[in-house]
Amino acid sequence: MASTLFILNDPPYGTERSYNGLRLAISLVKRDGERVRVFLIGDAASCAKEGQQVPQGYYNLELMLRAIFRRGGEIGVCGTCMDARGMGDEELADGCHRSTMDELTNWTQESERVLVF
């Protein structure tokens, strides 16, 4: 099984880097024989915030993360980054979990491809 790790750094809105990274992750997770992991670090930790309300017709990163999870992807959120932004575990969207630098290190070593957005 091919394994790809996506590391997202940018906030959910105001720039399209996290959006584009998740678009690619969704496309990849739909393919047979692909393992997709997403690690949200820095301002990207806010991508995993539950209850996002966006204008009609605008993309919603919470829903995109859920789509990855529903197809078997894993989503880790940097715990240190969550703490710095005042986010508690109970605020994470379904399928996202508080993670650590150790888990990111493991995921990096286990991945054939690492893409950074």
PDB file of N, CA and C in Angstrom:
ATOM      1  N   MET A   1       0.847  -1.182   0.000  1.00  0.00           N
ATOM      2  CA  MET A   1       0.000   0.000   0.000  1.00  0.00           C
ATOM      3  C   MET A   1       0.890   1.242   0.000  1.00  0.00           C
ATOM      4  N   ALA A   2       0.628   2.151  -0.911  1.00  0.00           N
ATOM      5  CA  ALA A   2       1.362   3.419  -0.972  1.00  0.00           C
ATOM      6  C   ALA A   2       0.884   4.322   0.160  1.00  0.00           C
ATOM      7  N   SER A   3       1.800   5.081   0.723  1.00  0.00           N
ATOM      8  CA  SER A   3       1.479   5.929   1.866  1.00  0.00           C
ATOM      9  C   SER A   3       1.938   7.358   1.613  1.00  0.00           C
ATOM     10  N   THR A   4       1.003   8.298   1.789  1.00  0.00           N
ATOM     11  CA  THR A   4       1.315   9.717   1.602  1.00  0.00           C
ATOM     12  C   THR A   4       0.939  10.476   2.859  1.00  0.00           C
ATOM     13  N   LEU A   5       1.838  11.315   3.305  1.00  0.00           N
ATOM     14  CA  LEU A   5       1.616  12.202   4.441  1.00  0.00           C
ATOM     15  C   LEU A   5       1.503  13.629   3.918  1.00  0.00           C
ATOM     16  N   PHE A   6       0.427  14.296   4.304  1.00  0.00           N
ATOM     17  CA  PHE A   6       0.228  15.711   3.996  1.00  0.00           C
ATOM     18  C   PHE A   6       0.455  16.502   5.270  1.00  0.00           C
ATOM     19  N   ILE A   7       1.359  17.452   5.238  1.00  0.00           N
ATOM     20  CA  ILE A   7       1.593  18.340   6.375  1.00  0.00           C
ATOM     21  C   ILE A   7       1.092  19.722   5.965  1.00  0.00           C
ATOM     22  N   LEU A   8       0.069  20.187   6.683  1.00  0.00           N
ATOM     23  CA  LEU A   8      -0.517  21.493   6.382  1.00  0.00           C
ATOM     24  C   LEU A   8      -0.113  22.490   7.455  1.00  0.00           C
ATOM     25  N   ASN A   9       0.270  23.688   7.027  1.00  0.00           N
ATOM     26  CA  ASN A   9       0.736  24.735   7.927  1.00  0.00           C
ATOM     27  C   ASN A   9      -0.159  25.965   7.989  1.00  0.00           C
ATOM     28  N   ASP A  10      -0.908  26.232   6.924  1.00  0.00           N
ATOM     29  CA  ASP A  10      -1.643  27.492   6.813  1.00  0.00           C
ATOM     30  C   ASP A  10      -3.025  27.426   7.455  1.00  0.00           C
ATOM     31  N   PRO A  11      -3.577  28.601   7.808  1.00  0.00           N
ATOM     32  CA  PRO A  11      -4.908  28.634   8.421  1.00  0.00           C
ATOM     33  C   PRO A  11      -5.963  28.142   7.437  1.00  0.00           C
ATOM     34  N   PRO A  12      -7.138  27.816   7.947  1.00  0.00           N
ATOM     35  CA  PRO A  12      -8.171  27.266   7.076  1.00  0.00           C
ATOM     36  C   PRO A  12      -8.682  28.246   6.025  1.00  0.00           C
ATOM     37  N   TYR A  13      -8.694  29.514   6.340  1.00  0.00           N
ATOM     38  CA  TYR A  13      -9.248  30.497   5.418  1.00  0.00           C
ATOM     39  C   TYR A  13      -8.306  31.698   5.332  1.00  0.00           C
ATOM     40  N   GLY A  14      -8.397  32.432   4.245  1.00  0.00           N
ATOM     41  CA  GLY A  14      -7.523  33.581   4.034  1.00  0.00           C
ATOM     42  C   GLY A  14      -6.393  33.263   3.073  1.00  0.00           C
ATOM     43  N   THR A  15      -6.101  32.000   2.920  1.00  0.00           N
ATOM     44  CA  THR A  15      -5.151  31.492   1.943  1.00  0.00           C
ATOM     45  C   THR A  15      -5.718  30.156   1.478  1.00  0.00           C
ATOM     46  N   GLU A  16      -5.359  29.712   0.318  1.00  0.00           N
ATOM     47  CA  GLU A  16      -5.927  28.462  -0.191  1.00  0.00           C
ATOM     48  C   GLU A  16      -4.965  27.288  -0.112  1.00  0.00           C
ATOM     49  N   ARG A  17      -3.860  27.433   0.592  1.00  0.00           N
ATOM     50  CA  ARG A  17      -2.884  26.343   0.666  1.00  0.00           C
ATOM     51  C   ARG A  17      -3.445  25.108   1.364  1.00  0.00           C
ATOM     52  N   SER A  18      -4.075  25.273   2.518  1.00  0.00           N
ATOM     53  CA  SER A  18      -4.649  24.117   3.213  1.00  0.00           C
ATOM     54  C   SER A  18      -5.787  23.521   2.396  1.00  0.00           C
ATOM     55  N   TYR A  19      -6.600  24.379   1.800  1.00  0.00           N
ATOM     56  CA  TYR A  19      -7.689  23.912   0.944  1.00  0.00           C
ATOM     57  C   TYR A  19      -7.149  23.059  -0.198  1.00  0.00           C
ATOM     58  N   ASN A  20      -6.125  23.535  -0.876  1.00  0.00           N
ATOM     59  CA  ASN A  20      -5.571  22.786  -2.000  1.00  0.00           C
ATOM     60  C   ASN A  20      -4.900  21.493  -1.549  1.00  0.00           C
ATOM     61  N   GLY A  21      -4.242  21.511  -0.408  1.00  0.00           N
ATOM     62  CA  GLY A  21      -3.658  20.285   0.127  1.00  0.00           C
ATOM     63  C   GLY A  21      -4.730  19.244   0.419  1.00  0.00           C
ATOM     64  N   LEU A  22      -5.843  19.684   0.984  1.00  0.00           N
ATOM     65  CA  LEU A  22      -6.928  18.749   1.286  1.00  0.00           C
ATOM     66  C   LEU A  22      -7.632  18.273   0.018  1.00  0.00           C
ATOM     67  N   ARG A  23      -7.708  19.111  -0.982  1.00  0.00           N
ATOM     68  CA  ARG A  23      -8.284  18.670  -2.265  1.00  0.00           C
ATOM     69  C   ARG A  23      -7.475  17.507  -2.822  1.00  0.00           C
ATOM     70  N   LEU A  24      -6.155  17.637  -2.777  1.00  0.00           N
ATOM     71  CA  LEU A  24      -5.295  16.572  -3.271  1.00  0.00           C
ATOM     72  C   LEU A  24      -5.413  15.330  -2.390  1.00  0.00           C
ATOM     73  N   ALA A  25      -5.466  15.516  -1.082  1.00  0.00           N
ATOM     74  CA  ALA A  25      -5.601  14.380  -0.164  1.00  0.00           C
ATOM     75  C   ALA A  25      -6.907  13.623  -0.427  1.00  0.00           C
ATOM     76  N   ILE A  26      -7.994  14.346  -0.663  1.00  0.00           N
ATOM     77  CA  ILE A  26      -9.280  13.698  -0.954  1.00  0.00           C
ATOM     78  C   ILE A  26      -9.190  12.913  -2.254  1.00  0.00           C
ATOM     79  N   SER A  27      -8.581  13.496  -3.260  1.00  0.00           N
ATOM     80  CA  SER A  27      -8.440  12.803  -4.540  1.00  0.00           C
ATOM     81  C   SER A  27      -7.634  11.517  -4.377  1.00  0.00           C
ATOM     82  N   LEU A  28      -6.587  11.570  -3.584  1.00  0.00           N
ATOM     83  CA  LEU A  28      -5.716  10.422  -3.385  1.00  0.00           C
ATOM     84  C   LEU A  28      -6.376   9.342  -2.527  1.00  0.00           C
ATOM     85  N   VAL A  29      -7.078   9.734  -1.467  1.00  0.00           N
ATOM     86  CA  VAL A  29      -7.680   8.751  -0.558  1.00  0.00           C
ATOM     87  C   VAL A  29      -8.794   7.955  -1.250  1.00  0.00           C
ATOM     88  N   LYS A  30      -9.325   8.469  -2.331  1.00  0.00           N
ATOM     89  CA  LYS A  30     -10.367   7.768  -3.089  1.00  0.00           C
ATOM     90  C   LYS A  30      -9.813   6.609  -3.912  1.00  0.00           C
ATOM     91  N   ARG A  31      -8.514   6.571  -4.110  1.00  0.00           N
ATOM     92  CA  ARG A  31      -7.898   5.542  -4.951  1.00  0.00           C
ATOM     93  C   ARG A  31      -7.556   4.300  -4.138  1.00  0.00           C
ATOM     94  N   ASP A  32      -7.722   3.165  -4.753  1.00  0.00           N
ATOM     95  CA  ASP A  32      -7.387   1.901  -4.104  1.00  0.00           C
ATOM     96  C   ASP A  32      -5.896   1.822  -3.821  1.00  0.00           C
ATOM     97  N   GLY A  33      -5.565   1.210  -2.683  1.00  0.00           N
ATOM     98  CA  GLY A  33      -4.174   0.970  -2.344  1.00  0.00           C
ATOM     99  C   GLY A  33      -3.413   2.186  -1.862  1.00  0.00           C
ATOM    100  N   GLU A  34      -4.124   3.216  -1.440  1.00  0.00           N
ATOM    101  CA  GLU A  34      -3.478   4.443  -0.963  1.00  0.00           C
ATOM    102  C   GLU A  34      -3.814   4.670   0.509  1.00  0.00           C
ATOM    103  N   ARG A  35      -2.797   4.921   1.308  1.00  0.00           N
ATOM    104  CA  ARG A  35      -3.009   5.338   2.696  1.00  0.00           C
ATOM    105  C   ARG A  35      -2.684   6.825   2.762  1.00  0.00           C
ATOM    106  N   VAL A  36      -3.606   7.591   3.313  1.00  0.00           N
ATOM    107  CA  VAL A  36      -3.442   9.041   3.417  1.00  0.00           C
ATOM    108  C   VAL A  36      -3.483   9.445   4.881  1.00  0.00           C
ATOM    109  N   ARG A  37      -2.497  10.224   5.257  1.00  0.00           N
ATOM    110  CA  ARG A  37      -2.455  10.813   6.595  1.00  0.00           C
ATOM    111  C   ARG A  37      -2.281  12.314   6.435  1.00  0.00           C
ATOM    112  N   VAL A  38      -2.965  13.064   7.291  1.00  0.00           N
ATOM    113  CA  VAL A  38      -2.882  14.520   7.276  1.00  0.00           C
ATOM    114  C   VAL A  38      -2.465  14.968   8.665  1.00  0.00           C
ATOM    115  N   PHE A  39      -1.442  15.820   8.721  1.00  0.00           N
ATOM    116  CA  PHE A  39      -1.003  16.379   9.996  1.00  0.00           C
ATOM    117  C   PHE A  39      -1.161  17.888   9.912  1.00  0.00           C
ATOM    118  N   LEU A  40      -1.930  18.450  10.850  1.00  0.00           N
ATOM    119  CA  LEU A  40      -2.194  19.884  10.894  1.00  0.00           C
ATOM    120  C   LEU A  40      -1.305  20.512  11.958  1.00  0.00           C
ATOM    121  N   ILE A  41      -0.478  21.449  11.532  1.00  0.00           N
ATOM    122  CA  ILE A  41       0.491  22.063  12.430  1.00  0.00           C
ATOM    123  C   ILE A  41       0.425  23.580  12.267  1.00  0.00           C
ATOM    124  N   GLY A  42       0.828  24.304  13.296  1.00  0.00           N
ATOM    125  CA  GLY A  42       0.772  25.765  13.232  1.00  0.00           C
ATOM    126  C   GLY A  42      -0.664  26.232  13.081  1.00  0.00           C
ATOM    127  N   ASP A  43      -0.857  27.249  12.238  1.00  0.00           N
ATOM    128  CA  ASP A  43      -2.205  27.791  12.041  1.00  0.00           C
ATOM    129  C   ASP A  43      -3.169  26.791  11.418  1.00  0.00           C
ATOM    130  N   ALA A  44      -2.653  25.736  10.801  1.00  0.00           N
ATOM    131  CA  ALA A  44      -3.533  24.720  10.211  1.00  0.00           C
ATOM    132  C   ALA A  44      -4.297  23.937  11.273  1.00  0.00           C
ATOM    133  N   ALA A  45      -3.874  23.997  12.517  1.00  0.00           N
ATOM    134  CA  ALA A  45      -4.622  23.322  13.586  1.00  0.00           C
ATOM    135  C   ALA A  45      -6.075  23.791  13.603  1.00  0.00           C
ATOM    136  N   SER A  46      -6.303  25.037  13.227  1.00  0.00           N
ATOM    137  CA  SER A  46      -7.668  25.584  13.201  1.00  0.00           C
ATOM    138  C   SER A  46      -8.534  24.948  12.118  1.00  0.00           C
ATOM    139  N   CYS A  47      -7.928  24.280  11.165  1.00  0.00           N
ATOM    140  CA  CYS A  47      -8.700  23.577  10.126  1.00  0.00           C
ATOM    141  C   CYS A  47      -9.576  22.496  10.751  1.00  0.00           C
ATOM    142  N   ALA A  48      -9.160  21.962  11.888  1.00  0.00           N
ATOM    143  CA  ALA A  48      -9.868  20.856  12.532  1.00  0.00           C
ATOM    144  C   ALA A  48     -10.927  21.327  13.519  1.00  0.00           C
ATOM    145  N   LYS A  49     -11.183  22.613  13.593  1.00  0.00           N
ATOM    146  CA  LYS A  49     -12.178  23.145  14.534  1.00  0.00           C
ATOM    147  C   LYS A  49     -13.568  22.715  14.117  1.00  0.00           C
ATOM    148  N   GLU A  50     -14.284  22.138  15.064  1.00  0.00           N
ATOM    149  CA  GLU A  50     -15.649  21.685  14.821  1.00  0.00           C
ATOM    150  C   GLU A  50     -16.607  22.872  14.731  1.00  0.00           C
ATOM    151  N   GLY A  51     -17.637  22.719  13.905  1.00  0.00           N
ATOM    152  CA  GLY A  51     -18.702  23.729  13.842  1.00  0.00           C
ATOM    153  C   GLY A  51     -18.400  24.914  12.961  1.00  0.00           C
ATOM    154  N   GLN A  52     -17.568  24.765  11.951  1.00  0.00           N
ATOM    155  CA  GLN A  52     -17.235  25.879  11.066  1.00  0.00           C
ATOM    156  C   GLN A  52     -18.475  26.322  10.290  1.00  0.00           C
ATOM    157  N   GLN A  53     -18.704  27.607  10.264  1.00  0.00           N
ATOM    158  CA  GLN A  53     -19.813  28.211   9.521  1.00  0.00           C
ATOM    159  C   GLN A  53     -19.221  29.094   8.438  1.00  0.00           C
ATOM    160  N   VAL A  54     -19.429  28.710   7.207  1.00  0.00           N
ATOM    161  CA  VAL A  54     -18.879  29.485   6.088  1.00  0.00           C
ATOM    162  C   VAL A  54     -20.033  29.951   5.204  1.00  0.00           C
ATOM    163  N   PRO A  55     -19.813  31.013   4.413  1.00  0.00           N
ATOM    164  CA  PRO A  55     -20.868  31.474   3.513  1.00  0.00           C
ATOM    165  C   PRO A  55     -21.275  30.378   2.527  1.00  0.00           C
ATOM    166  N   GLN A  56     -22.532  30.391   2.140  1.00  0.00           N
ATOM    167  CA  GLN A  56     -23.026  29.407   1.184  1.00  0.00           C
ATOM    168  C   GLN A  56     -22.186  29.461  -0.091  1.00  0.00           C
ATOM    169  N   GLY A  57     -21.795  28.279  -0.562  1.00  0.00           N
ATOM    170  CA  GLY A  57     -20.994  28.183  -1.775  1.00  0.00           C
ATOM    171  C   GLY A  57     -19.501  28.240  -1.529  1.00  0.00           C
ATOM    172  N   TYR A  58     -19.086  28.451  -0.271  1.00  0.00           N
ATOM    173  CA  TYR A  58     -17.673  28.533   0.078  1.00  0.00           C
ATOM    174  C   TYR A  58     -17.222  27.192   0.625  1.00  0.00           C
ATOM    175  N   TYR A  59     -15.994  26.814   0.373  1.00  0.00           N
ATOM    176  CA  TYR A  59     -15.501  25.534   0.873  1.00  0.00           C
ATOM    177  C   TYR A  59     -15.439  25.517   2.402  1.00  0.00           C
ATOM    178  N   ASN A  60     -15.565  24.303   2.960  1.00  0.00           N
ATOM    179  CA  ASN A  60     -15.558  24.112   4.408  1.00  0.00           C
ATOM    180  C   ASN A  60     -14.521  23.032   4.719  1.00  0.00           C
ATOM    181  N   LEU A  61     -13.419  23.423   5.361  1.00  0.00           N
ATOM    182  CA  LEU A  61     -12.328  22.478   5.613  1.00  0.00           C
ATOM    183  C   LEU A  61     -12.711  21.402   6.621  1.00  0.00           C
ATOM    184  N   GLU A  62     -13.604  21.697   7.534  1.00  0.00           N
ATOM    185  CA  GLU A  62     -14.066  20.669   8.472  1.00  0.00           C
ATOM    186  C   GLU A  62     -14.707  19.516   7.699  1.00  0.00           C
ATOM    187  N   LEU A  63     -15.554  19.845   6.735  1.00  0.00           N
ATOM    188  CA  LEU A  63     -16.216  18.813   5.933  1.00  0.00           C
ATOM    189  C   LEU A  63     -15.211  18.059   5.067  1.00  0.00           C
ATOM    190  N   MET A  64     -14.202  18.742   4.587  1.00  0.00           N
ATOM    191  CA  MET A  64     -13.172  18.087   3.776  1.00  0.00           C
ATOM    192  C   MET A  64     -12.382  17.083   4.620  1.00  0.00           C
ATOM    193  N   LEU A  65     -12.054  17.468   5.847  1.00  0.00           N
ATOM    194  CA  LEU A  65     -11.343  16.546   6.736  1.00  0.00           C
ATOM    195  C   LEU A  65     -12.194  15.323   7.049  1.00  0.00           C
ATOM    196  N   ARG A  66     -13.478  15.536   7.270  1.00  0.00           N
ATOM    197  CA  ARG A  66     -14.377  14.407   7.536  1.00  0.00           C
ATOM    198  C   ARG A  66     -14.423  13.448   6.349  1.00  0.00           C
ATOM    199  N   ALA A  67     -14.388  13.997   5.134  1.00  0.00           N
ATOM    200  CA  ALA A  67     -14.406  13.159   3.931  1.00  0.00           C
ATOM    201  C   ALA A  67     -13.164  12.272   3.871  1.00  0.00           C
ATOM    202  N   ILE A  68     -12.035  12.811   4.258  1.00  0.00           N
ATOM    203  CA  ILE A  68     -10.792  12.027   4.283  1.00  0.00           C
ATOM    204  C   ILE A  68     -10.908  10.921   5.327  1.00  0.00           C
ATOM    205  N   PHE A  69     -11.389  11.266   6.497  1.00  0.00           N
ATOM    206  CA  PHE A  69     -11.540  10.289   7.578  1.00  0.00           C
ATOM    207  C   PHE A  69     -12.507   9.169   7.194  1.00  0.00           C
ATOM    208  N   ARG A  70     -13.635   9.531   6.588  1.00  0.00           N
ATOM    209  CA  ARG A  70     -14.635   8.527   6.189  1.00  0.00           C
ATOM    210  C   ARG A  70     -14.082   7.513   5.193  1.00  0.00           C
ATOM    211  N   ARG A  71     -13.074   7.911   4.452  1.00  0.00           N
ATOM    212  CA  ARG A  71     -12.471   7.012   3.467  1.00  0.00           C
ATOM    213  C   ARG A  71     -11.226   6.309   4.019  1.00  0.00           C
ATOM    214  N   GLY A  72     -11.027   6.391   5.334  1.00  0.00           N
ATOM    215  CA  GLY A  72      -9.935   5.665   5.964  1.00  0.00           C
ATOM    216  C   GLY A  72      -8.681   6.466   6.233  1.00  0.00           C
ATOM    217  N   GLY A  73      -8.682   7.755   5.930  1.00  0.00           N
ATOM    218  CA  GLY A  73      -7.524   8.595   6.213  1.00  0.00           C
ATOM    219  C   GLY A  73      -7.402   8.900   7.700  1.00  0.00           C
ATOM    220  N   GLU A  74      -6.208   9.253   8.100  1.00  0.00           N
ATOM    221  CA  GLU A  74      -5.953   9.625   9.498  1.00  0.00           C
ATOM    222  C   GLU A  74      -5.599  11.103   9.554  1.00  0.00           C
ATOM    223  N   ILE A  75      -6.082  11.785  10.593  1.00  0.00           N
ATOM    224  CA  ILE A  75      -5.857  13.218  10.728  1.00  0.00           C
ATOM    225  C   ILE A  75      -5.364  13.516  12.134  1.00  0.00           C
ATOM    226  N   GLY A  76      -4.128  13.968  12.227  1.00  0.00           N
ATOM    227  CA  GLY A  76      -3.543  14.365  13.497  1.00  0.00           C
ATOM    228  C   GLY A  76      -3.426  15.873  13.570  1.00  0.00           C
ATOM    229  N   VAL A  77      -3.649  16.408  14.747  1.00  0.00           N
ATOM    230  CA  VAL A  77      -3.552  17.852  14.971  1.00  0.00           C
ATOM    231  C   VAL A  77      -2.509  18.076  16.052  1.00  0.00           C
ATOM    232  N   CYS A  78      -1.543  18.912  15.775  1.00  0.00           N
ATOM    233  CA  CYS A  78      -0.464  19.192  16.728  1.00  0.00           C
ATOM    234  C   CYS A  78      -1.048  19.707  18.045  1.00  0.00           C
ATOM    235  N   GLY A  79      -0.821  18.961  19.122  1.00  0.00           N
ATOM    236  CA  GLY A  79      -1.340  19.342  20.428  1.00  0.00           C
ATOM    237  C   GLY A  79      -0.760  20.647  20.940  1.00  0.00           C
ATOM    238  N   THR A  80       0.518  20.872  20.712  1.00  0.00           N
ATOM    239  CA  THR A  80       1.150  22.126  21.134  1.00  0.00           C
ATOM    240  C   THR A  80       0.516  23.305  20.408  1.00  0.00           C
ATOM    241  N   CYS A  81       0.241  23.125  19.122  1.00  0.00           N
ATOM    242  CA  CYS A  81      -0.375  24.182  18.318  1.00  0.00           C
ATOM    243  C   CYS A  81      -1.818  24.428  18.762  1.00  0.00           C
ATOM    244  N   MET A  82      -2.515  23.355  19.141  1.00  0.00           N
ATOM    245  CA  MET A  82      -3.871  23.500  19.669  1.00  0.00           C
ATOM    246  C   MET A  82      -3.838  24.323  20.956  1.00  0.00           C
ATOM    247  N   ASP A  83      -2.927  23.976  21.849  1.00  0.00           N
ATOM    248  CA  ASP A  83      -2.821  24.690  23.124  1.00  0.00           C
ATOM    249  C   ASP A  83      -2.518  26.172  22.909  1.00  0.00           C
ATOM    250  N   ALA A  84      -1.617  26.464  21.966  1.00  0.00           N
ATOM    251  CA  ALA A  84      -1.240  27.852  21.691  1.00  0.00           C
ATOM    252  C   ALA A  84      -2.427  28.661  21.169  1.00  0.00           C
ATOM    253  N   ARG A  85      -3.393  27.978  20.555  1.00  0.00           N
ATOM    254  CA  ARG A  85      -4.563  28.641  19.988  1.00  0.00           C
ATOM    255  C   ARG A  85      -5.805  28.493  20.863  1.00  0.00           C
ATOM    256  N   GLY A  86      -5.615  27.947  22.062  1.00  0.00           N
ATOM    257  CA  GLY A  86      -6.717  27.820  23.014  1.00  0.00           C
ATOM    258  C   GLY A  86      -7.760  26.796  22.600  1.00  0.00           C
ATOM    259  N   MET A  87      -7.361  25.795  21.809  1.00  0.00           N
ATOM    260  CA  MET A  87      -8.295  24.763  21.349  1.00  0.00           C
ATOM    261  C   MET A  87      -8.230  23.556  22.268  1.00  0.00           C
ATOM    262  N   GLY A  88      -9.376  23.086  22.707  1.00  0.00           N
ATOM    263  CA  GLY A  88      -9.451  21.874  23.511  1.00  0.00           C
ATOM    264  C   GLY A  88      -9.780  20.675  22.642  1.00  0.00           C
ATOM    265  N   ASP A  89      -9.506  19.492  23.155  1.00  0.00           N
ATOM    266  CA  ASP A  89      -9.789  18.253  22.420  1.00  0.00           C
ATOM    267  C   ASP A  89     -11.256  18.149  22.013  1.00  0.00           C
ATOM    268  N   GLU A  90     -12.145  18.652  22.865  1.00  0.00           N
ATOM    269  CA  GLU A  90     -13.578  18.564  22.588  1.00  0.00           C
ATOM    270  C   GLU A  90     -14.010  19.445  21.414  1.00  0.00           C
ATOM    271  N   GLU A  91     -13.124  20.333  20.960  1.00  0.00           N
ATOM    272  CA  GLU A  91     -13.435  21.222  19.835  1.00  0.00           C
ATOM    273  C   GLU A  91     -13.020  20.641  18.480  1.00  0.00           C
ATOM    274  N   LEU A  92     -12.392  19.465  18.505  1.00  0.00           N
ATOM    275  CA  LEU A  92     -11.920  18.875  17.252  1.00  0.00           C
ATOM    276  C   LEU A  92     -13.070  18.244  16.475  1.00  0.00           C
ATOM    277  N   ALA A  93     -13.016  18.409  15.168  1.00  0.00           N
ATOM    278  CA  ALA A  93     -14.008  17.803  14.276  1.00  0.00           C
ATOM    279  C   ALA A  93     -13.895  16.286  14.339  1.00  0.00           C
ATOM    280  N   ASP A  94     -14.981  15.624  14.015  1.00  0.00           N
ATOM    281  CA  ASP A  94     -14.992  14.160  13.972  1.00  0.00           C
ATOM    282  C   ASP A  94     -13.874  13.643  13.077  1.00  0.00           C
ATOM    283  N   GLY A  95     -13.173  12.631  13.576  1.00  0.00           N
ATOM    284  CA  GLY A  95     -12.100  12.016  12.809  1.00  0.00           C
ATOM    285  C   GLY A  95     -10.734  12.616  13.045  1.00  0.00           C
ATOM    286  N   CYS A  96     -10.674  13.746  13.740  1.00  0.00           N
ATOM    287  CA  CYS A  96      -9.392  14.393  14.038  1.00  0.00           C
ATOM    288  C   CYS A  96      -8.994  14.066  15.479  1.00  0.00           C
ATOM    289  N   HIS A  97      -7.697  13.912  15.700  1.00  0.00           N
ATOM    290  CA  HIS A  97      -7.239  13.631  17.059  1.00  0.00           C
ATOM    291  C   HIS A  97      -6.026  14.489  17.420  1.00  0.00           C
ATOM    292  N   ARG A  98      -5.920  14.779  18.713  1.00  0.00           N
ATOM    293  CA  ARG A  98      -4.741  15.500  19.225  1.00  0.00           C
ATOM    294  C   ARG A  98      -3.526  14.612  18.971  1.00  0.00           C
ATOM    295  N   SER A  99      -2.499  15.202  18.440  1.00  0.00           N
ATOM    296  CA  SER A  99      -1.318  14.432  18.080  1.00  0.00           C
ATOM    297  C   SER A  99      -0.069  15.073  18.669  1.00  0.00           C
ATOM    298  N   THR A 100       1.062  14.492  18.321  1.00  0.00           N
ATOM    299  CA  THR A 100       2.342  14.931  18.872  1.00  0.00           C
ATOM    300  C   THR A 100       3.402  14.958  17.782  1.00  0.00           C
ATOM    301  N   MET A 101       4.519  15.552  18.103  1.00  0.00           N
ATOM    302  CA  MET A 101       5.657  15.556  17.184  1.00  0.00           C
ATOM    303  C   MET A 101       6.192  14.135  17.004  1.00  0.00           C
ATOM    304  N   ASP A 102       6.084  13.313  18.035  1.00  0.00           N
ATOM    305  CA  ASP A 102       6.500  11.914  17.902  1.00  0.00           C
ATOM    306  C   ASP A 102       5.656  11.179  16.863  1.00  0.00           C
ATOM    307  N   GLU A 103       4.347  11.416  16.870  1.00  0.00           N
ATOM    308  CA  GLU A 103       3.505  10.770  15.865  1.00  0.00           C
ATOM    309  C   GLU A 103       3.850  11.286  14.473  1.00  0.00           C
ATOM    310  N   LEU A 104       4.075  12.591  14.341  1.00  0.00           N
ATOM    311  CA  LEU A 104       4.484  13.138  13.045  1.00  0.00           C
ATOM    312  C   LEU A 104       5.792  12.519  12.584  1.00  0.00           C
ATOM    313  N   THR A 105       6.710  12.327  13.492  1.00  0.00           N
ATOM    314  CA  THR A 105       7.991  11.687  13.158  1.00  0.00           C
ATOM    315  C   THR A 105       7.760  10.264  12.649  1.00  0.00           C
ATOM    316  N   ASN A 106       6.932   9.512  13.350  1.00  0.00           N
ATOM    317  CA  ASN A 106       6.617   8.141  12.920  1.00  0.00           C
ATOM    318  C   ASN A 106       5.949   8.134  11.556  1.00  0.00           C
ATOM    319  N   TRP A 107       4.957   8.984  11.375  1.00  0.00           N
ATOM    320  CA  TRP A 107       4.257   9.046  10.097  1.00  0.00           C
ATOM    321  C   TRP A 107       5.215   9.406   8.962  1.00  0.00           C
ATOM    322  N   THR A 108       6.145  10.314   9.237  1.00  0.00           N
ATOM    323  CA  THR A 108       7.123  10.721   8.219  1.00  0.00           C
ATOM    324  C   THR A 108       7.996   9.536   7.828  1.00  0.00           C
ATOM    325  N   GLN A 109       8.494   8.795   8.820  1.00  0.00           N
ATOM    326  CA  GLN A 109       9.336   7.643   8.522  1.00  0.00           C
ATOM    327  C   GLN A 109       8.595   6.542   7.779  1.00  0.00           C
ATOM    328  N   GLU A 110       7.307   6.389   8.047  1.00  0.00           N
ATOM    329  CA  GLU A 110       6.516   5.338   7.426  1.00  0.00           C
ATOM    330  C   GLU A 110       5.997   5.702   6.039  1.00  0.00           C
ATOM    331  N   SER A 111       6.066   6.969   5.673  1.00  0.00           N
ATOM    332  CA  SER A 111       5.480   7.444   4.418  1.00  0.00           C
ATOM    333  C   SER A 111       6.461   7.345   3.265  1.00  0.00           C
ATOM    334  N   GLU A 112       5.918   7.001   2.104  1.00  0.00           N
ATOM    335  CA  GLU A 112       6.709   7.015   0.879  1.00  0.00           C
ATOM    336  C   GLU A 112       6.802   8.415   0.309  1.00  0.00           C
ATOM    337  N   ARG A 113       5.751   9.199   0.530  1.00  0.00           N
ATOM    338  CA  ARG A 113       5.706  10.575   0.022  1.00  0.00           C
ATOM    339  C   ARG A 113       5.277  11.491   1.166  1.00  0.00           C
ATOM    340  N   VAL A 114       5.938  12.630   1.263  1.00  0.00           N
ATOM    341  CA  VAL A 114       5.566  13.658   2.230  1.00  0.00           C
ATOM    342  C   VAL A 114       5.362  14.956   1.450  1.00  0.00           C
ATOM    343  N   LEU A 115       4.140  15.492   1.517  1.00  0.00           N
ATOM    344  CA  LEU A 115       3.808  16.720   0.822  1.00  0.00           C
ATOM    345  C   LEU A 115       3.512  17.800   1.855  1.00  0.00           C
ATOM    346  N   VAL A 116       4.124  18.955   1.694  1.00  0.00           N
ATOM    347  CA  VAL A 116       3.977  20.033   2.661  1.00  0.00           C
ATOM    348  C   VAL A 116       3.273  21.216   1.981  1.00  0.00           C
ATOM    349  N   PHE A 117       2.194  21.644   2.606  1.00  0.00           N
ATOM    350  CA  PHE A 117       1.437  22.809   2.104  1.00  0.00           C
ATOM    351  C   PHE A 117       1.431  23.880   3.169  1.00  0.00           C
TER     352      PHE A 117
END
